[in-house]
Amino acid sequence: MAINNKLKLQNWSLNMKYLNKIIVVFAVCWLQVLSCAYGQLRFLGHSNNYLQVTSYLGKDGGERFNTFQFDLLSKGIDIKKWSLSVRLDGAITIVDGGPSKSGEVFPLDKLTFRWTTDNNNAQMNLQSFGMNLNEVFLQKNAEIMLVDQAKAPFSSYNKDYTQVFLYSSIKVTQGKYLERYQSGVNQWTHIKYRIPMLYTLYDENRKIIGTAPLVYDLHIYPNLTDGNLVDVTPDYGLEIGTEASNATLRFQSARDYLDGVSLLLENAVKVNAKSNFELQVKSVDSELNSSTSGSLPLNVLSTKLTAGTGAKTILANPVLTLSTNPQMLLSGTSTNKENIQYFNLNYKAKLSQSQIVSVKPGDYAVSLVYSLIPK
């Protein structure tokens, strides 16, 4: 069973909420043979490539900055549970205006990827594939799954030729950190970085179907505007770390089915608050649903927050089973919004005896909303 948390990192001034998509995968231990001819599916990537940063507010490349093209070239195509990943494809380099002020190249984890739109194919689109529409932070030393075992297949539906287009944005995050990556030559020199990325399309057994290399050109101006609008600490802030956005919890053995499976994500939740606060959680869905295997009740999955780095006194932090009603996950204390508190996020999945016997292999998904409530 796998749980993939893909979360948008945001701050709100009062009642802050974010949507957390959890996917639960039950697997069986036999070899499956995929019958599709991948030569009939062509995967291509295109990009606007150029990101020009003139402000401390960063830069959003736009909703169609990346175009991913899938050409289905025959009637017999049916590729289930496909995945799409992104990783760095070589070193980030300075191509003009170097060195930077810090002597370092631009950090990849200051770029985010977000699915935005599609070409309105009735069967194959962002919604049917189960895409997470939140921002995902890229990472220098990790392959990030942008789609992990899609809910809907790439299928030709008995047509000779079908095209599917999926679009995404790339964003340079805001902040004063940008000063470190301006040109160190002088106050008038622009600096340009080359960022090579590789997008990989997999089948359900993680065999490569195709790849799309894309190169981004990042141009940072020597004089940035809007410095007064960034790095301002909000009265209340809630963020989820990158590791938690790609967490996995999997049932792999008979012991896992009997005892359940737990996952601990250290310092996954970041909070700042000028007063005491509550963190609440609720499920958007009434069940964990699978497009192929039915459903499971919410009470198979529980969650808890525990003290992490910098955490102040915790007044209450019960273990909660999921519900569609908001529940208090943690009651915390604070008197200074500048004090950052981290909390460890714990998940546990456990089946009853009857569920162990009856559960079908497949992906079971539920969406959770976490909220920060000032007290």
Protein backbone atom coordinates (compact mmCIF):
# COMPACT_ATOMS: atom_id res chain seq x y z
CA MET A 1 0.00 0.00 0.00
CA ALA A 2 1.40 3.37 -0.96
CA ILE A 3 0.50 6.83 0.24
CA ASN A 4 1.59 9.68 -1.98
CA ASN A 5 1.15 13.12 -0.46
CA LYS A 6 1.40 15.92 -3.02
CA LEU A 7 0.94 19.23 -1.30
CA LYS A 8 1.02 22.88 -2.17
CA LEU A 9 3.15 24.99 0.18
CA GLN A 10 1.20 28.06 1.03
CA ASN A 11 0.73 30.66 3.74
CA TRP A 12 -2.56 32.28 4.68
CA SER A 13 -3.11 35.01 7.22
CA LEU A 14 -5.98 33.36 9.09
CA ASN A 15 -7.84 30.11 8.39
CA MET A 16 -5.28 28.28 6.26
CA LYS A 17 -6.13 25.11 4.38
CA TYR A 18 -4.38 22.82 1.96
CA LEU A 19 -5.52 19.77 0.08
CA ASN A 20 -3.64 16.55 0.68
CA LYS A 21 -4.13 13.73 -1.84
CA ILE A 22 -3.46 10.27 -0.42
CA ILE A 23 -3.21 7.24 -2.68
CA VAL A 24 -3.31 3.79 -1.14
CA VAL A 25 -2.03 0.89 -3.24
CA PHE A 26 -2.65 -2.78 -2.43
CA ALA A 27 -0.40 -5.10 -4.38
CA VAL A 28 -0.18 -8.85 -4.92
CA CYS A 29 3.04 -10.76 -5.52
CA TRP A 30 2.74 -12.22 -9.01
CA LEU A 31 4.36 -11.24 -12.28
CA GLN A 32 2.17 -9.42 -14.76
CA VAL A 33 2.94 -9.15 -18.47
CA LEU A 34 1.94 -5.92 -20.23
CA SER A 35 0.52 -6.67 -23.66
CA CYS A 36 0.70 -3.14 -25.14
CA ALA A 37 3.07 -2.29 -27.98
CA TYR A 38 4.81 0.87 -26.73
CA GLY A 39 6.12 1.59 -30.18
CA GLN A 40 2.60 2.80 -30.98
CA LEU A 41 2.67 5.47 -28.25
CA ARG A 42 4.88 8.46 -28.98
CA PHE A 43 5.84 10.75 -26.08
CA LEU A 44 7.17 14.25 -26.80
CA GLY A 45 7.93 17.29 -24.68
CA HIS A 46 8.05 20.95 -25.67
CA SER A 47 8.76 24.05 -23.60
CA ASN A 48 8.85 27.82 -23.86
CA ASN A 49 12.24 27.33 -22.13
CA TYR A 50 12.90 30.94 -21.10
CA LEU A 51 12.34 32.28 -17.56
CA GLN A 52 13.20 35.96 -17.02
CA VAL A 53 13.36 37.09 -13.39
CA THR A 54 13.07 40.86 -12.87
CA SER A 55 11.38 40.88 -9.44
CA TYR A 56 11.89 39.38 -5.98
CA LEU A 57 8.39 37.95 -6.53
CA GLY A 58 9.97 35.34 -8.80
CA LYS A 59 8.53 34.27 -12.14
CA ASP A 60 5.70 32.02 -13.30
CA GLY A 61 6.30 30.71 -16.82
CA GLY A 62 2.59 30.47 -17.55
CA GLU A 63 0.04 27.66 -17.72
CA ARG A 64 1.45 26.25 -20.99
CA PHE A 65 5.15 26.68 -20.28
CA ASN A 66 5.56 22.90 -20.75
CA THR A 67 3.60 20.88 -23.30
CA PHE A 68 3.57 17.08 -23.04
CA GLN A 69 2.32 15.38 -26.18
CA PHE A 70 1.12 11.77 -26.30
CA ASP A 71 0.42 10.37 -29.80
CA LEU A 72 -1.56 7.12 -29.88
CA LEU A 73 -0.84 5.70 -33.32
CA SER A 74 -3.01 2.58 -33.55
CA LYS A 75 -6.27 1.06 -32.32
CA GLY A 76 -4.83 -1.46 -29.87
CA ILE A 77 -3.17 0.80 -27.30
CA ASP A 78 -4.17 0.41 -23.65
CA ILE A 79 -1.44 1.42 -21.19
CA LYS A 80 -2.70 1.23 -17.62
CA LYS A 81 -1.14 2.65 -14.44
CA TRP A 82 1.48 4.67 -16.29
CA SER A 83 3.72 7.15 -14.47
CA LEU A 84 5.60 10.30 -15.39
CA SER A 85 8.67 11.62 -13.56
CA VAL A 86 11.13 14.50 -13.75
CA ARG A 87 14.77 14.70 -12.69
CA LEU A 88 17.84 16.83 -13.32
CA ASP A 89 19.61 15.69 -16.51
CA GLY A 90 23.16 16.86 -15.86
CA ALA A 91 24.71 19.84 -14.12
CA ILE A 92 23.12 23.28 -13.82
CA THR A 93 25.59 25.68 -15.39
CA ILE A 94 26.14 29.43 -15.77
CA VAL A 95 26.29 30.30 -19.46
CA ASP A 96 26.70 34.08 -19.15
CA GLY A 97 27.43 36.67 -16.45
CA GLY A 98 29.12 34.37 -13.96
CA PRO A 99 30.15 33.80 -11.31
CA SER A 100 27.13 34.42 -9.10
CA LYS A 101 27.42 36.50 -5.95
CA SER A 102 27.45 33.34 -3.83
CA GLY A 103 29.77 31.42 -6.16
CA GLU A 104 27.03 28.80 -6.56
CA VAL A 105 24.66 27.81 -9.34
CA PHE A 106 20.92 28.32 -9.04
CA PRO A 107 19.33 25.71 -6.71
CA LEU A 108 16.83 23.39 -8.37
CA ASP A 109 14.61 23.27 -5.27
CA LYS A 110 13.67 26.89 -5.91
CA LEU A 111 11.71 25.79 -8.98
CA THR A 112 8.22 24.32 -8.78
CA PHE A 113 6.20 22.27 -11.28
CA ARG A 114 2.40 22.42 -11.49
CA TRP A 115 -0.09 20.73 -13.80
CA THR A 116 -2.41 23.36 -15.25
CA THR A 117 -4.66 22.23 -18.14
CA ASP A 118 -5.17 19.75 -21.00
CA ASN A 119 -6.68 19.60 -24.50
CA ASN A 120 -10.13 18.50 -23.28
CA ASN A 121 -9.98 14.87 -24.34
CA ALA A 122 -13.12 13.29 -22.87
CA GLN A 123 -11.45 10.14 -21.54
CA MET A 124 -7.84 11.23 -21.05
CA ASN A 125 -7.39 14.46 -19.10
CA LEU A 126 -5.95 15.80 -15.84
CA GLN A 127 -9.04 14.84 -13.86
CA SER A 128 -9.44 11.31 -15.23
CA PHE A 129 -5.72 10.63 -14.75
CA GLY A 130 -6.00 11.74 -11.12
CA MET A 131 -3.40 14.50 -11.45
CA ASN A 132 -2.38 16.49 -8.40
CA LEU A 133 -2.76 20.19 -9.30
CA ASN A 134 -0.62 21.51 -6.43
CA GLU A 135 2.90 22.83 -6.85
CA VAL A 136 5.69 20.25 -6.59
CA PHE A 137 9.20 21.38 -5.67
CA LEU A 138 11.92 19.97 -7.91
CA GLN A 139 14.95 18.35 -6.27
CA LYS A 140 18.59 18.16 -7.31
CA ASN A 141 19.25 14.58 -6.22
CA ALA A 142 15.86 12.94 -6.61
CA GLU A 143 13.48 11.77 -9.31
CA ILE A 144 10.07 13.31 -8.65
CA MET A 145 6.94 11.42 -9.67
CA LEU A 146 4.55 13.89 -11.31
CA VAL A 147 2.05 11.12 -12.00
CA ASP A 148 2.33 7.87 -10.05
CA GLN A 149 0.25 5.08 -11.57
CA ALA A 150 -2.41 7.14 -13.30
CA LYS A 151 -6.05 6.29 -12.61
CA ALA A 152 -7.00 6.22 -16.30
CA PRO A 153 -5.04 4.50 -19.09
CA PHE A 154 -3.68 5.83 -22.34
CA SER A 155 -6.16 4.06 -24.59
CA SER A 156 -6.88 4.48 -28.28
CA TYR A 157 -10.54 3.48 -27.73
CA ASN A 158 -10.50 1.73 -31.13
CA LYS A 159 -9.35 4.86 -32.97
CA ASP A 160 -6.50 4.84 -35.47
CA TYR A 161 -4.97 8.08 -34.16
CA THR A 162 -5.44 10.11 -30.97
CA GLN A 163 -3.47 13.02 -29.52
CA VAL A 164 -3.45 13.98 -25.85
CA PHE A 165 -1.81 17.19 -24.64
CA LEU A 166 -1.06 17.92 -20.99
CA TYR A 167 0.27 21.32 -19.92
CA SER A 168 2.21 22.56 -16.91
CA SER A 169 3.87 25.64 -15.49
CA ILE A 170 7.36 26.08 -14.09
CA LYS A 171 7.75 28.75 -11.42
CA VAL A 172 10.77 30.46 -9.85
CA THR A 173 9.86 30.94 -6.19
CA GLN A 174 9.94 34.39 -4.64
CA GLY A 175 12.36 35.65 -2.00
CA LYS A 176 15.47 37.61 -1.14
CA TYR A 177 17.49 34.42 -1.73
CA LEU A 178 17.58 35.52 -5.40
CA GLU A 179 20.30 38.03 -4.52
CA ARG A 180 22.73 35.15 -3.96
CA TYR A 181 22.28 34.06 -7.57
CA GLN A 182 22.58 37.43 -9.27
CA SER A 183 25.79 38.13 -11.16
CA GLY A 184 28.83 38.76 -8.99
CA VAL A 185 30.67 40.59 -11.77
CA ASN A 186 29.19 44.04 -11.10
CA GLN A 187 25.88 45.80 -10.47
CA TRP A 188 24.98 46.00 -14.18
CA THR A 189 25.67 42.43 -15.32
CA HIS A 190 22.88 39.98 -16.07
CA ILE A 191 23.38 36.29 -15.35
CA LYS A 192 21.99 33.30 -17.25
CA TYR A 193 21.71 29.68 -16.13
CA ARG A 194 21.14 26.50 -18.15
CA ILE A 195 18.95 23.91 -16.36
CA PRO A 196 18.63 20.53 -18.16
CA MET A 197 15.67 18.34 -17.12
CA LEU A 198 14.53 14.89 -18.18
CA TYR A 199 10.89 13.77 -18.16
CA THR A 200 10.37 9.99 -18.25
CA LEU A 201 7.20 8.06 -19.06
CA TYR A 202 6.93 4.60 -17.41
CA ASP A 203 4.59 1.64 -17.63
CA GLU A 204 3.10 0.06 -14.51
CA ASN A 205 6.27 -2.04 -13.99
CA ARG A 206 8.52 1.04 -14.16
CA LYS A 207 9.83 0.15 -17.61
CA ILE A 208 10.61 3.23 -19.70
CA ILE A 209 8.15 3.97 -22.50
CA GLY A 210 9.79 7.22 -23.58
CA THR A 211 11.73 10.28 -22.45
CA ALA A 212 11.55 14.02 -23.16
CA PRO A 213 14.63 16.14 -22.40
CA LEU A 214 13.87 19.84 -21.84
CA VAL A 215 16.35 22.62 -21.14
CA TYR A 216 15.31 25.75 -19.21
CA ASP A 217 17.15 29.06 -19.62
CA LEU A 218 16.95 31.19 -16.47
CA HIS A 219 17.85 34.87 -16.75
CA ILE A 220 18.17 36.93 -13.52
CA TYR A 221 18.36 40.71 -13.78
CA PRO A 222 20.94 42.68 -11.75
CA ASN A 223 18.31 45.00 -10.27
CA LEU A 224 15.21 43.28 -8.89
CA THR A 225 12.01 45.09 -7.96
CA ASP A 226 9.38 44.49 -5.21
CA GLY A 227 11.84 43.74 -2.43
CA ASN A 228 9.40 45.13 0.15
CA LEU A 229 6.81 42.48 -0.76
CA VAL A 230 8.76 39.30 0.00
CA ASP A 231 10.08 37.44 3.03
CA VAL A 232 7.47 39.08 5.25
CA THR A 233 6.50 36.72 8.06
CA PRO A 234 2.70 36.24 8.15
CA ASP A 235 0.83 36.20 11.45
CA TYR A 236 -0.02 32.55 10.80
CA GLY A 237 1.75 30.22 8.40
CA LEU A 238 1.37 26.55 7.46
CA GLU A 239 3.70 24.63 5.13
CA ILE A 240 4.34 21.01 4.20
CA GLY A 241 7.87 19.83 3.43
CA THR A 242 9.01 18.39 0.10
CA GLU A 243 9.60 14.89 1.52
CA ALA A 244 6.01 14.66 2.71
CA SER A 245 4.72 15.56 -0.75
CA ASN A 246 6.16 12.31 -2.15
CA ALA A 247 5.76 9.87 0.75
CA THR A 248 5.15 6.15 0.21
CA LEU A 249 3.61 3.56 2.51
CA ARG A 250 3.29 0.04 1.12
CA PHE A 251 1.87 -3.33 2.16
CA GLN A 252 4.45 -5.91 1.02
CA SER A 253 4.17 -8.95 3.30
CA ALA A 254 1.72 -11.03 5.29
CA ARG A 255 3.00 -9.32 8.46
CA ASP A 256 2.13 -5.93 6.98
CA TYR A 257 -1.45 -7.06 6.42
CA LEU A 258 -1.71 -8.42 9.97
CA ASP A 259 -0.02 -5.55 11.87
CA GLY A 260 -0.64 -2.62 9.55
CA VAL A 261 1.97 -0.29 8.08
CA SER A 262 3.22 2.97 9.61
CA LEU A 263 5.06 5.94 8.15
CA LEU A 264 6.86 8.72 10.04
CA LEU A 265 7.76 11.94 8.21
CA GLU A 266 10.01 14.01 10.44
CA ASN A 267 9.54 17.80 10.53
CA ALA A 268 7.00 17.51 7.71
CA VAL A 269 4.65 20.21 9.00
CA LYS A 270 5.93 23.76 9.53
CA VAL A 271 3.90 26.29 11.53
CA ASN A 272 4.38 29.85 12.69
CA ALA A 273 1.71 31.64 14.73
CA LYS A 274 1.41 34.77 16.83
CA SER A 275 -0.97 33.01 19.26
CA ASN A 276 -2.11 29.54 20.23
CA PHE A 277 -3.54 27.52 17.36
CA GLU A 278 -5.21 24.32 16.25
CA LEU A 279 -4.41 22.10 13.30
CA GLN A 280 -7.49 20.35 11.98
CA VAL A 281 -7.97 17.64 9.38
CA LYS A 282 -10.96 16.32 7.47
CA SER A 283 -11.54 14.07 4.48
CA VAL A 284 -13.11 15.46 1.33
CA ASP A 285 -14.31 11.98 0.37
CA SER A 286 -16.56 9.63 2.34
CA GLU A 287 -14.43 6.60 1.38
CA LEU A 288 -11.06 5.64 -0.05
CA ASN A 289 -12.02 5.00 -3.64
CA SER A 290 -10.44 2.95 -6.41
CA SER A 291 -11.35 3.21 -10.07
CA THR A 292 -10.81 -0.54 -10.47
CA SER A 293 -11.17 -2.15 -7.03
CA GLY A 294 -14.14 -0.59 -5.24
CA SER A 295 -13.70 1.30 -1.98
CA LEU A 296 -12.50 1.10 1.61
CA PRO A 297 -13.84 2.89 4.70
CA LEU A 298 -11.98 5.94 5.95
CA ASN A 299 -11.16 4.30 9.28
CA VAL A 300 -8.44 2.10 7.73
CA LEU A 301 -6.16 5.18 7.77
CA SER A 302 -5.17 7.19 10.85
CA THR A 303 -2.87 10.15 11.40
CA LYS A 304 -1.12 11.94 14.25
CA LEU A 305 1.25 14.88 14.73
CA THR A 306 4.12 14.79 17.23
CA ALA A 307 6.69 17.36 18.33
CA GLY A 308 9.50 18.10 15.91
CA THR A 309 12.27 20.71 15.85
CA GLY A 310 11.39 23.89 17.73
CA ALA A 311 7.95 22.68 18.80
CA LYS A 312 6.48 24.41 21.84
CA THR A 313 4.16 22.86 24.40
CA ILE A 314 1.54 20.64 22.79
CA LEU A 315 -1.81 20.80 24.58
CA ALA A 316 -3.34 17.85 22.71
CA ASN A 317 -2.45 15.62 19.75
CA PRO A 318 -4.76 12.59 19.55
CA VAL A 319 -4.52 9.77 17.04
CA LEU A 320 -7.32 10.39 14.55
CA THR A 321 -9.05 8.09 12.13
CA LEU A 322 -10.24 9.90 9.06
CA SER A 323 -13.66 11.54 8.93
CA THR A 324 -15.51 13.95 6.66
CA ASN A 325 -15.98 16.20 9.70
CA PRO A 326 -13.15 18.55 10.77
CA GLN A 327 -11.23 17.09 13.72
CA MET A 328 -8.61 18.64 15.99
CA LEU A 329 -5.30 16.99 15.10
CA LEU A 330 -3.10 19.17 17.30
CA SER A 331 -3.58 21.99 19.79
CA GLY A 332 -0.40 24.05 19.96
CA THR A 333 1.00 27.05 21.80
CA SER A 334 2.79 30.14 20.52
CA THR A 335 3.30 33.79 21.43
CA ASN A 336 5.66 34.93 18.65
CA LYS A 337 5.06 34.58 14.92
CA GLU A 338 8.83 34.58 14.30
CA ASN A 339 9.24 31.26 16.14
CA ILE A 340 9.06 28.40 13.64
CA GLN A 341 7.68 25.09 14.90
CA TYR A 342 7.99 21.74 13.14
CA PHE A 343 5.84 18.68 13.70
CA ASN A 344 6.33 15.08 12.65
CA LEU A 345 3.55 13.62 10.54
CA ASN A 346 2.58 10.03 11.32
CA TYR A 347 0.38 7.83 9.13
CA LYS A 348 -0.84 4.31 9.86
CA ALA A 349 -2.94 2.01 7.70
CA LYS A 350 -4.50 -1.11 9.21
CA LEU A 351 -7.10 -3.53 7.88
CA SER A 352 -9.63 -5.56 9.84
CA GLN A 353 -9.66 -9.35 9.52
CA SER A 354 -12.58 -9.25 7.10
CA GLN A 355 -10.87 -6.54 5.01
CA ILE A 356 -7.67 -8.59 4.77
CA VAL A 357 -9.69 -11.39 3.20
CA SER A 358 -11.78 -9.23 0.87
CA VAL A 359 -9.53 -6.31 -0.17
CA LYS A 360 -8.70 -6.21 -3.87
CA PRO A 361 -5.33 -5.09 -5.25
CA GLY A 362 -5.45 -1.56 -6.57
CA ASP A 363 -5.03 2.13 -5.88
CA TYR A 364 -7.33 3.63 -3.23
CA ALA A 365 -7.37 7.42 -3.04
CA VAL A 366 -8.73 10.03 -0.63
CA SER A 367 -8.25 13.80 -0.38
CA LEU A 368 -7.66 15.44 3.00
CA VAL A 369 -7.89 19.10 3.95
CA TYR A 370 -5.59 20.35 6.73
CA SER A 371 -6.39 23.71 8.34
CA LEU A 372 -4.65 26.05 10.78
CA ILE A 373 -7.09 27.83 13.09
CA PRO A 374 -5.91 30.72 15.32
CA LYS A 375 -7.08 30.49 18.95
